[in-house]
Amino acid sequence: MSTAAEPLAAAIAAAQQALTTADPGDPEQALPHLREAQLKVTEALDEAMAAAVLTEGSTIRQTATLAGLTENAVGPRLARTSLLAAYREGDRVTRTGVERARYDLEEGRHKVSPPTPDDERPQLRFRARRPESH
């Protein structure tokens, strides 16, 4: 398994385990397991997007379209991944960071960071583009 696929595979396995543990006959018991599965699916989506832009040559725009997200939502999510966290600029990964990561990968000096633990990840938030008028 390639280095790019390992974090994705781990997140998928963790999501599957959480779903397996959830008992549909006991909704109260299922809730924390479903929440864990949701977090791991989000992590898997982020890692898949990082692998797509790093190893498959996808652009951030193409990746956003495939993931059903806006282009602006992808950069902060890439910054949370093990494959691209070392290439973030502020709280996001830009096209320049992706290009640098690709170059480093080709040269054999790609930097892999452990993913940010869930409890330390900043929550993604909506920011209005224009102030609301009253």
C-alpha atoms as a PDB file:
ATOM      1  CA  MET A   1       0.000   0.000   0.000  1.00  0.00           C
ATOM      2  CA  SER A   2       1.380   3.416  -0.907  1.00  0.00           C
ATOM      3  CA  THR A   3       2.094   6.064   1.705  1.00  0.00           C
ATOM      4  CA  ALA A   4      -0.743   8.175   0.261  1.00  0.00           C
ATOM      5  CA  ALA A   5      -3.264   5.353   0.725  1.00  0.00           C
ATOM      6  CA  GLU A   6      -2.404   4.484   4.340  1.00  0.00           C
ATOM      7  CA  PRO A   7      -4.178   7.388   6.108  1.00  0.00           C
ATOM      8  CA  LEU A   8      -7.207   6.943   3.858  1.00  0.00           C
ATOM      9  CA  ALA A   9      -7.368   3.205   4.544  1.00  0.00           C
ATOM     10  CA  ALA A  10      -7.030   3.783   8.304  1.00  0.00           C
ATOM     11  CA  ALA A  11      -9.849   6.351   8.332  1.00  0.00           C
ATOM     12  CA  ILE A  12     -12.132   4.084   6.304  1.00  0.00           C
ATOM     13  CA  ALA A  13     -11.420   1.133   8.614  1.00  0.00           C
ATOM     14  CA  ALA A  14     -12.142   3.262  11.696  1.00  0.00           C
ATOM     15  CA  ALA A  15     -15.443   4.477  10.179  1.00  0.00           C
ATOM     16  CA  GLN A  16     -16.434   0.905   9.356  1.00  0.00           C
ATOM     17  CA  GLN A  17     -15.595  -0.230  12.896  1.00  0.00           C
ATOM     18  CA  ALA A  18     -17.683   2.571  14.413  1.00  0.00           C
ATOM     19  CA  LEU A  19     -20.620   1.681  12.175  1.00  0.00           C
ATOM     20  CA  THR A  20     -20.306  -1.999  13.057  1.00  0.00           C
ATOM     21  CA  THR A  21     -20.406  -1.119  16.761  1.00  0.00           C
ATOM     22  CA  ALA A  22     -23.554   1.012  16.420  1.00  0.00           C
ATOM     23  CA  ASP A  23     -26.676  -0.934  17.392  1.00  0.00           C
ATOM     24  CA  PRO A  24     -29.696   0.228  15.366  1.00  0.00           C
ATOM     25  CA  GLY A  25     -31.963  -1.334  17.995  1.00  0.00           C
ATOM     26  CA  ASP A  26     -30.587   1.032  20.650  1.00  0.00           C
ATOM     27  CA  PRO A  27     -30.451   4.559  19.182  1.00  0.00           C
ATOM     28  CA  GLU A  28     -29.056   6.104  22.356  1.00  0.00           C
ATOM     29  CA  GLN A  29     -26.150   3.640  22.360  1.00  0.00           C
ATOM     30  CA  ALA A  30     -25.662   4.151  18.617  1.00  0.00           C
ATOM     31  CA  LEU A  31     -25.258   7.934  18.758  1.00  0.00           C
ATOM     32  CA  PRO A  32     -21.610   8.150  19.896  1.00  0.00           C
ATOM     33  CA  HIS A  33     -20.631   5.428  17.434  1.00  0.00           C
ATOM     34  CA  LEU A  34     -22.418   7.177  14.583  1.00  0.00           C
ATOM     35  CA  ARG A  35     -20.708  10.447  15.508  1.00  0.00           C
ATOM     36  CA  GLU A  36     -17.330   8.675  15.488  1.00  0.00           C
ATOM     37  CA  ALA A  37     -18.153   7.173  12.085  1.00  0.00           C
ATOM     38  CA  GLN A  38     -19.100  10.616  10.778  1.00  0.00           C
ATOM     39  CA  LEU A  39     -15.784  12.094  11.953  1.00  0.00           C
ATOM     40  CA  LYS A  40     -13.822   9.230  10.387  1.00  0.00           C
ATOM     41  CA  VAL A  41     -15.710   9.519   7.067  1.00  0.00           C
ATOM     42  CA  THR A  42     -14.869  13.230   7.043  1.00  0.00           C
ATOM     43  CA  GLU A  43     -11.228  12.366   7.744  1.00  0.00           C
ATOM     44  CA  ALA A  44     -11.308   9.787   4.928  1.00  0.00           C
ATOM     45  CA  LEU A  45     -12.787  12.362   2.543  1.00  0.00           C
ATOM     46  CA  ASP A  46     -10.046  14.840   3.453  1.00  0.00           C
ATOM     47  CA  GLU A  47      -7.287  12.246   3.029  1.00  0.00           C
ATOM     48  CA  ALA A  48      -8.765  11.126  -0.316  1.00  0.00           C
ATOM     49  CA  MET A  49      -8.790  14.733  -1.536  1.00  0.00           C
ATOM     50  CA  ALA A  50      -5.160  15.153  -0.443  1.00  0.00           C
ATOM     51  CA  ALA A  51      -4.141  11.966  -2.258  1.00  0.00           C
ATOM     52  CA  ALA A  52      -6.033  13.076  -5.372  1.00  0.00           C
ATOM     53  CA  VAL A  53      -4.279  16.433  -5.603  1.00  0.00           C
ATOM     54  CA  LEU A  54      -0.880  15.057  -4.597  1.00  0.00           C
ATOM     55  CA  THR A  55      -0.579  11.775  -6.461  1.00  0.00           C
ATOM     56  CA  GLU A  56      -3.313  11.844  -9.107  1.00  0.00           C
ATOM     57  CA  GLY A  57      -2.605  15.346 -10.395  1.00  0.00           C
ATOM     58  CA  SER A  58      -6.103  16.657  -9.729  1.00  0.00           C
ATOM     59  CA  THR A  59      -6.524  20.362  -9.195  1.00  0.00           C
ATOM     60  CA  ILE A  60      -8.125  21.739  -6.067  1.00  0.00           C
ATOM     61  CA  ARG A  61     -11.100  22.783  -8.210  1.00  0.00           C
ATOM     62  CA  GLN A  62     -11.516  19.288  -9.720  1.00  0.00           C
ATOM     63  CA  THR A  63     -11.215  17.700  -6.303  1.00  0.00           C
ATOM     64  CA  ALA A  64     -13.825  20.058  -4.867  1.00  0.00           C
ATOM     65  CA  THR A  65     -16.244  19.147  -7.638  1.00  0.00           C
ATOM     66  CA  LEU A  66     -15.718  15.409  -7.123  1.00  0.00           C
ATOM     67  CA  ALA A  67     -16.216  15.781  -3.361  1.00  0.00           C
ATOM     68  CA  GLY A  68     -19.311  17.958  -3.715  1.00  0.00           C
ATOM     69  CA  LEU A  69     -17.656  20.932  -2.016  1.00  0.00           C
ATOM     70  CA  THR A  70     -16.842  24.475  -3.003  1.00  0.00           C
ATOM     71  CA  GLU A  71     -13.281  25.168  -4.064  1.00  0.00           C
ATOM     72  CA  ASN A  72     -12.767  27.421  -1.027  1.00  0.00           C
ATOM     73  CA  ALA A  73     -13.735  24.599   1.344  1.00  0.00           C
ATOM     74  CA  VAL A  74     -10.984  22.270   0.143  1.00  0.00           C
ATOM     75  CA  GLY A  75      -7.875  24.229   1.226  1.00  0.00           C
ATOM     76  CA  PRO A  76      -8.604  24.144   4.976  1.00  0.00           C
ATOM     77  CA  ARG A  77      -9.517  20.470   4.762  1.00  0.00           C
ATOM     78  CA  LEU A  78      -6.249  19.637   2.965  1.00  0.00           C
ATOM     79  CA  ALA A  79      -4.370  21.436   5.754  1.00  0.00           C
ATOM     80  CA  ARG A  80      -5.721  18.867   8.244  1.00  0.00           C
ATOM     81  CA  THR A  81      -4.340  15.851   6.352  1.00  0.00           C
ATOM     82  CA  SER A  82      -1.173  13.889   7.002  1.00  0.00           C
ATOM     83  CA  LEU A  83      -0.127  14.233   3.351  1.00  0.00           C
ATOM     84  CA  LEU A  84      -0.346  18.013   3.087  1.00  0.00           C
ATOM     85  CA  ALA A  85      -0.342  19.482   6.624  1.00  0.00           C
ATOM     86  CA  ALA A  86       3.367  20.297   6.327  1.00  0.00           C
ATOM     87  CA  TYR A  87       2.607  22.404   3.236  1.00  0.00           C
ATOM     88  CA  ARG A  88      -0.099  24.626   4.669  1.00  0.00           C
ATOM     89  CA  GLU A  89       0.014  28.374   4.543  1.00  0.00           C
ATOM     90  CA  GLY A  90      -1.816  29.640   7.584  1.00  0.00           C
ATOM     91  CA  ASP A  91      -4.920  27.504   7.954  1.00  0.00           C
ATOM     92  CA  ARG A  92      -5.106  26.161   4.389  1.00  0.00           C
ATOM     93  CA  VAL A  93      -3.189  24.468   1.597  1.00  0.00           C
ATOM     94  CA  THR A  94      -3.053  26.479  -1.604  1.00  0.00           C
ATOM     95  CA  ARG A  95      -2.131  25.574  -5.165  1.00  0.00           C
ATOM     96  CA  THR A  96       1.431  26.639  -4.370  1.00  0.00           C
ATOM     97  CA  GLY A  97       1.592  24.249  -1.415  1.00  0.00           C
ATOM     98  CA  VAL A  98       0.294  21.399  -3.573  1.00  0.00           C
ATOM     99  CA  GLU A  99       2.909  22.144  -6.240  1.00  0.00           C
ATOM    100  CA  ARG A 100       5.661  22.161  -3.609  1.00  0.00           C
ATOM    101  CA  ALA A 101       4.414  18.856  -2.145  1.00  0.00           C
ATOM    102  CA  ARG A 102       4.350  17.280  -5.627  1.00  0.00           C
ATOM    103  CA  TYR A 103       7.902  18.457  -6.292  1.00  0.00           C
ATOM    104  CA  ASP A 104       9.099  17.133  -2.929  1.00  0.00           C
ATOM    105  CA  LEU A 105       7.366  13.801  -3.617  1.00  0.00           C
ATOM    106  CA  GLU A 106       9.132  13.505  -6.988  1.00  0.00           C
ATOM    107  CA  GLU A 107      12.463  14.324  -5.346  1.00  0.00           C
ATOM    108  CA  GLY A 108      11.909  11.819  -2.533  1.00  0.00           C
ATOM    109  CA  ARG A 109      11.700  14.370   0.270  1.00  0.00           C
ATOM    110  CA  HIS A 110       7.958  14.690   0.795  1.00  0.00           C
ATOM    111  CA  LYS A 111       7.075  15.670   4.359  1.00  0.00           C
ATOM    112  CA  VAL A 112       4.376  13.592   6.023  1.00  0.00           C
ATOM    113  CA  SER A 113       2.839  14.908   9.232  1.00  0.00           C
ATOM    114  CA  PRO A 114       0.708  12.909  11.596  1.00  0.00           C
ATOM    115  CA  PRO A 115      -2.905  13.991  11.205  1.00  0.00           C
ATOM    116  CA  THR A 116      -4.167  16.503  13.725  1.00  0.00           C
ATOM    117  CA  PRO A 117      -6.127  14.717  16.470  1.00  0.00           C
ATOM    118  CA  ASP A 118      -9.884  15.255  16.161  1.00  0.00           C
ATOM    119  CA  ASP A 119     -10.103  17.225  19.400  1.00  0.00           C
ATOM    120  CA  GLU A 120      -7.369  19.631  18.232  1.00  0.00           C
ATOM    121  CA  ARG A 121      -8.768  20.211  14.744  1.00  0.00           C
ATOM    122  CA  PRO A 122     -10.285  23.647  14.306  1.00  0.00           C
ATOM    123  CA  GLN A 123     -13.948  23.459  13.459  1.00  0.00           C
ATOM    124  CA  LEU A 124     -14.743  24.492   9.911  1.00  0.00           C
ATOM    125  CA  ARG A 125     -16.998  27.501   9.994  1.00  0.00           C
ATOM    126  CA  PHE A 126     -19.058  29.534   7.615  1.00  0.00           C
ATOM    127  CA  ARG A 127     -18.016  33.118   7.003  1.00  0.00           C
ATOM    128  CA  ALA A 128     -20.372  35.395   5.111  1.00  0.00           C
ATOM    129  CA  ARG A 129     -18.775  37.088   2.123  1.00  0.00           C
ATOM    130  CA  ARG A 130     -20.783  40.264   2.507  1.00  0.00           C
ATOM    131  CA  PRO A 131     -22.020  41.918   5.641  1.00  0.00           C
ATOM    132  CA  GLU A 132     -25.740  41.524   6.115  1.00  0.00           C
ATOM    133  CA  SER A 133     -27.714  44.693   5.541  1.00  0.00           C
ATOM    134  CA  HIS A 134     -30.545  45.537   7.860  1.00  0.00           C
END
